[in-house]
Protein backbone atom coordinates (compact mmCIF):
# COMPACT_ATOMS: atom_id res chain seq x y z
CA MET A 1 -31.77 -164.15 -30.15
CA ILE A 2 -29.65 -161.99 -27.81
CA PRO A 3 -30.94 -158.32 -27.62
CA VAL A 4 -28.21 -156.01 -28.41
CA THR A 5 -27.64 -153.31 -25.61
CA ALA A 6 -25.45 -150.15 -25.33
CA ASN A 7 -23.29 -152.10 -23.35
CA ILE A 8 -22.75 -155.23 -25.64
CA ILE A 9 -22.00 -152.79 -28.45
CA LYS A 10 -19.31 -151.03 -25.73
CA LYS A 11 -17.90 -154.41 -25.23
CA VAL A 12 -17.67 -155.44 -28.85
CA ALA A 13 -16.01 -152.09 -29.71
CA GLY A 14 -13.57 -152.63 -26.77
CA LEU A 15 -12.21 -155.63 -28.56
CA ASP A 16 -10.40 -153.32 -30.55
CA ASP A 17 -7.78 -152.78 -27.69
CA ARG A 18 -5.53 -155.49 -26.47
CA LYS A 19 -6.46 -154.88 -22.85
CA GLY A 20 -10.16 -155.19 -23.77
CA ARG A 21 -9.58 -158.52 -25.38
CA ARG A 22 -7.52 -159.74 -22.41
CA ARG A 23 -10.30 -158.55 -20.00
CA GLU A 24 -13.11 -160.30 -21.85
CA GLU A 25 -10.92 -163.23 -22.95
CA ALA A 26 -12.09 -162.48 -26.24
CA PHE A 27 -11.47 -161.59 -29.95
CA LYS A 28 -13.35 -160.67 -33.01
CA ALA A 29 -13.67 -161.44 -36.46
CA GLU A 30 -15.17 -159.10 -39.05
CA GLY A 31 -16.80 -159.48 -42.60
CA SER A 32 -18.53 -162.30 -44.40
CA LYS A 33 -15.68 -164.33 -45.49
CA CYS A 34 -13.44 -163.80 -42.06
CA VAL A 35 -16.43 -165.06 -40.27
CA ILE A 36 -17.28 -167.94 -42.36
CA ASP A 37 -13.65 -169.12 -42.20
CA THR A 38 -13.28 -168.99 -38.78
CA LEU A 39 -16.83 -170.23 -37.38
CA PRO A 40 -15.69 -173.92 -37.47
CA HIS A 41 -12.55 -173.41 -35.62
CA PHE A 42 -13.24 -171.13 -32.49
CA HIS A 43 -15.66 -171.13 -29.60
CA LEU A 44 -18.39 -168.56 -30.95
CA ARG A 45 -19.63 -166.23 -27.84
CA ALA A 46 -22.00 -164.05 -30.20
CA LEU A 47 -22.61 -163.30 -33.77
CA TYR A 48 -23.98 -160.05 -34.74
CA ALA A 49 -25.33 -159.56 -38.71
CA LEU A 50 -27.54 -157.51 -40.75
CA PRO A 51 -30.84 -159.08 -41.52
CA GLU A 52 -30.17 -159.63 -45.11
CA TRP A 53 -26.81 -161.52 -44.15
CA LEU A 54 -28.76 -163.77 -42.00
CA LYS A 55 -31.20 -164.60 -44.36
CA ASP A 56 -28.30 -165.53 -46.85
CA HIS A 57 -26.64 -167.57 -44.28
CA GLU A 58 -29.60 -169.48 -42.83
CA ASP A 59 -27.49 -172.42 -41.84
CA VAL A 60 -25.42 -170.25 -39.59
CA ALA A 61 -28.47 -168.69 -38.17
CA PHE A 62 -29.96 -172.00 -37.66
CA ARG A 63 -26.83 -173.63 -36.15
CA TYR A 64 -26.06 -170.87 -33.62
CA GLY A 65 -29.59 -169.58 -33.14
CA GLU A 66 -29.26 -168.62 -29.51
CA LYS A 67 -25.90 -166.77 -30.09
CA VAL A 68 -27.16 -164.83 -33.06
CA SER A 69 -28.42 -161.22 -32.71
CA GLU A 70 -30.07 -159.32 -35.78
CA VAL A 71 -28.46 -155.86 -35.73
CA SER A 72 -28.60 -152.33 -37.65
CA ARG A 73 -25.74 -150.97 -39.72
CA ALA A 74 -25.59 -148.22 -37.17
CA ASP A 75 -24.74 -150.77 -34.45
CA LEU A 76 -22.27 -152.75 -36.70
CA ARG A 77 -20.60 -149.33 -37.26
CA LYS A 78 -20.31 -148.76 -33.56
CA MET A 79 -18.77 -152.42 -32.93
CA SER A 80 -16.44 -152.42 -35.92
CA SER A 81 -12.77 -151.53 -36.28
CA LEU A 82 -13.32 -151.06 -39.98
CA VAL A 83 -13.78 -148.00 -42.08
CA THR A 84 -16.63 -149.38 -44.02
CA PRO A 85 -18.84 -151.42 -41.23
CA PRO A 86 -19.08 -155.43 -42.40
CA GLU A 87 -22.29 -157.09 -42.63
CA VAL A 88 -21.39 -159.32 -39.63
CA ILE A 89 -19.22 -159.43 -36.72
CA ALA A 90 -18.48 -162.65 -34.62
CA VAL A 91 -16.93 -162.79 -31.16
CA TYR A 92 -14.95 -165.69 -30.36
CA SER A 93 -13.29 -167.18 -26.92
CA ILE A 94 -9.47 -166.79 -27.32
CA PRO A 95 -8.31 -170.13 -27.36
CA ASP A 96 -5.75 -171.89 -25.05
CA ARG A 97 -3.16 -173.31 -27.05
CA PRO A 98 -0.28 -174.74 -25.34
CA ILE A 99 2.77 -174.83 -27.11
CA PRO A 100 3.68 -178.51 -28.00
CA GLU A 101 6.91 -180.10 -26.30
CA ASN A 102 10.05 -179.89 -28.63
CA VAL A 103 7.79 -177.96 -31.05
CA ALA A 104 10.62 -177.87 -33.51
CA SER A 105 11.61 -181.43 -33.40
CA GLY A 106 10.51 -182.61 -36.69
CA ASN A 107 8.94 -179.51 -37.88
CA LEU A 108 9.80 -176.34 -39.28
CA VAL A 109 8.75 -173.24 -37.12
CA LEU A 110 8.90 -169.43 -37.20
CA ALA A 111 10.05 -167.70 -34.69
CA LEU A 112 9.22 -163.63 -34.67
CA ASP A 113 11.50 -161.33 -32.84
CA THR A 114 9.32 -158.24 -32.31
CA ILE A 115 7.09 -158.16 -35.17
CA GLN A 116 5.14 -154.52 -34.53
CA ASP A 117 2.97 -154.10 -37.53
CA PRO A 118 -0.38 -155.96 -37.03
CA GLY A 119 -0.59 -156.04 -41.24
CA ASN A 120 2.76 -157.65 -41.31
CA LEU A 121 1.84 -160.23 -38.40
CA GLY A 122 -1.35 -161.19 -40.27
CA THR A 123 0.40 -161.84 -43.33
CA ILE A 124 3.17 -163.96 -41.90
CA ILE A 125 0.53 -166.00 -40.35
CA ARG A 126 -1.17 -166.57 -43.68
CA VAL A 127 2.26 -167.32 -45.37
CA ALA A 128 3.06 -169.45 -42.62
CA ASP A 129 -0.28 -171.44 -43.42
CA TRP A 130 0.51 -171.59 -46.86
CA PHE A 131 3.78 -173.49 -46.48
CA GLY A 132 2.47 -175.80 -43.75
CA ILE A 133 3.76 -173.95 -40.65
CA THR A 134 1.41 -174.81 -37.87
CA ASP A 135 3.28 -173.23 -35.01
CA ILE A 136 5.01 -169.56 -34.40
CA ILE A 137 6.91 -168.69 -31.26
CA ALA A 138 6.45 -164.70 -31.12
CA SER A 139 8.45 -162.60 -28.68
CA ARG A 140 6.11 -161.05 -26.12
CA GLU A 141 6.79 -157.67 -27.81
CA THR A 142 5.33 -159.09 -31.05
CA ALA A 143 1.60 -157.56 -31.99
CA ASP A 144 -1.17 -159.27 -30.64
CA CYS A 145 -2.45 -161.97 -33.21
CA PHE A 146 -6.08 -161.51 -32.18
CA SER A 147 -6.13 -157.76 -33.02
CA PRO A 148 -8.95 -157.24 -35.62
CA LYS A 149 -6.15 -156.07 -38.17
CA VAL A 150 -4.20 -159.18 -37.85
CA ILE A 151 -7.25 -161.29 -37.83
CA GLN A 152 -8.48 -159.59 -41.12
CA SER A 153 -4.93 -159.77 -42.81
CA THR A 154 -4.59 -163.69 -41.80
CA MET A 155 -7.69 -164.51 -44.27
CA GLY A 156 -8.73 -167.33 -41.91
CA ALA A 157 -5.06 -168.79 -41.32
CA ILE A 158 -5.61 -167.91 -37.83
CA SER A 159 -7.73 -170.81 -37.64
CA ARG A 160 -4.68 -173.28 -38.42
CA VAL A 161 -1.73 -171.77 -37.34
CA SER A 162 -0.98 -171.14 -33.34
CA VAL A 163 1.14 -168.09 -32.20
CA HIS A 164 2.77 -168.79 -28.57
CA TYR A 165 4.17 -165.66 -26.84
CA ARG A 166 7.35 -166.51 -25.07
CA ASP A 167 10.61 -165.23 -24.26
CA LEU A 168 12.51 -166.20 -27.12
CA THR A 169 15.82 -166.65 -25.54
CA GLU A 170 14.33 -169.13 -23.50
CA ALA A 171 11.98 -170.63 -25.78
CA ILE A 172 14.39 -171.10 -28.95
CA PRO A 173 16.95 -173.37 -27.01
CA THR A 174 14.30 -175.56 -25.63
CA ALA A 175 12.27 -176.10 -28.62
CA GLY A 176 14.05 -179.03 -29.86
CA ALA A 177 15.52 -177.71 -33.07
CA GLU A 178 18.36 -179.19 -34.93
CA ALA A 179 19.21 -175.62 -36.60
CA VAL A 180 18.15 -172.36 -36.00
CA TYR A 181 18.03 -169.76 -39.17
CA GLY A 182 18.08 -166.21 -39.39
CA THR A 183 18.58 -163.76 -42.31
CA PHE A 184 21.50 -161.24 -41.95
CA LEU A 185 23.28 -159.01 -44.61
CA ASP A 186 26.49 -160.95 -44.12
CA GLY A 187 24.90 -164.17 -44.16
CA SER A 188 25.16 -166.95 -47.11
CA PRO A 189 23.00 -166.60 -49.99
CA ILE A 190 19.60 -168.45 -49.40
CA GLY A 191 19.66 -169.90 -52.81
CA GLU A 192 23.35 -171.42 -52.29
CA ALA A 193 22.56 -172.72 -48.61
CA SER A 194 22.06 -176.17 -47.53
CA LEU A 195 18.46 -175.91 -45.90
CA GLY A 196 16.84 -178.59 -43.86
CA THR A 197 13.20 -179.54 -43.61
CA THR A 198 12.99 -179.07 -39.85
CA GLY A 199 14.39 -176.25 -37.30
CA ILE A 200 13.48 -172.57 -36.49
CA ILE A 201 13.76 -169.84 -38.73
CA VAL A 202 13.89 -166.62 -36.98
CA ILE A 203 12.13 -163.39 -38.85
CA GLY A 204 13.51 -160.09 -37.27
CA ASN A 205 12.02 -156.68 -36.31
CA GLU A 206 10.69 -154.56 -39.28
CA GLY A 207 13.45 -151.85 -38.59
CA LYS A 208 16.03 -153.31 -36.29
CA GLY A 209 16.13 -156.87 -37.64
CA ILE A 210 17.13 -159.85 -35.25
CA SER A 211 18.13 -158.67 -31.93
CA ARG A 212 21.66 -159.35 -30.62
CA GLU A 213 20.22 -161.73 -27.91
CA VAL A 214 18.31 -164.01 -30.38
CA GLU A 215 21.21 -163.49 -32.93
CA ARG A 216 23.51 -165.26 -30.69
CA LEU A 217 21.17 -168.29 -30.78
CA VAL A 218 21.22 -168.45 -34.60
CA SER A 219 23.35 -171.43 -35.95
CA HIS A 220 22.90 -170.71 -39.81
CA ARG A 221 23.25 -167.31 -41.15
CA LEU A 222 21.49 -166.57 -44.43
CA LEU A 223 21.02 -163.84 -46.72
CA ILE A 224 18.39 -163.02 -49.24
CA PRO A 225 20.16 -161.28 -51.96
CA SER A 226 19.23 -158.42 -53.85
CA TYR A 227 19.42 -158.66 -57.89
CA PRO A 228 21.76 -157.85 -59.56
CA PRO A 229 24.12 -157.64 -56.70
CA GLU A 230 25.84 -154.62 -57.60
CA ARG A 231 22.95 -152.62 -58.15
CA GLU A 232 21.63 -150.17 -55.29
CA THR A 233 18.32 -151.31 -54.07
CA SER A 234 16.05 -150.68 -50.92
CA GLU A 235 17.79 -150.83 -47.66
CA SER A 236 15.72 -154.23 -46.66
CA LEU A 237 12.91 -156.22 -47.42
CA ASN A 238 9.14 -155.96 -45.85
CA ALA A 239 9.27 -158.74 -42.68
CA ALA A 240 6.43 -160.48 -44.44
CA VAL A 241 7.96 -160.63 -47.98
CA ALA A 242 11.28 -161.92 -46.44
CA THR A 243 9.17 -164.48 -44.72
CA ALA A 244 7.64 -165.83 -47.83
CA ILE A 245 10.83 -165.88 -49.79
CA THR A 246 12.71 -167.59 -47.01
CA LEU A 247 9.72 -170.24 -46.68
CA ALA A 248 9.49 -171.03 -50.24
CA LYS A 249 13.16 -171.58 -50.29
CA PHE A 250 12.75 -174.22 -47.50
CA ARG A 251 10.11 -175.70 -49.07
CA GLY A 252 12.12 -176.20 -52.51
CA ILE A 253 10.16 -173.86 -54.43
């Protein structure tokens, strides 16, 4: 087992920050379910856990023995980003996941235009996983998919969904998509629209929607109508909720 020093605690705590993650080329997963879900899919650098957790997960302790450290609850509290410290924290290397050539050719892909809330991003990744989306193209201004809050929100989906950070005005035209969809207030009702099984679906920023630069690339304008149409409702839908509704329609649900 690796002895836990003040420097190690500081480095793990530093993974809360994007600069810290980039510097260490690492991210962390917190909590038993999150760690168990992600362990098979990422390169483990270190695992820090309470003695009782290790006792209940002897298979993990055995398999990753030299990378496992038994720590106190006080140490986990210093390492954790959560209000209530978890029983276990895993530190992984940030994976190198190159974007597939013509990623949207024969596939349905999401493009995120500056999704800034980590909770929204995590839920969008989780929704994408549920509906069989394996690749997401995100603007460089979109929240970091490896931040602790995003990792928590994905509920393990980050293991199966790759997020590629690109300039959308360059990435969308070269992705091989037959159609580019986006939701707008002046679009065609999504329930009446002819939706393909492949292409790119653009999800706009929480407050500003789809930017003008990206809007120019959209070939199919869709509307998620409120109900009933004449009733006064909220100004807009949460980005993650809009993603779920849109993907459900594309999947024929």
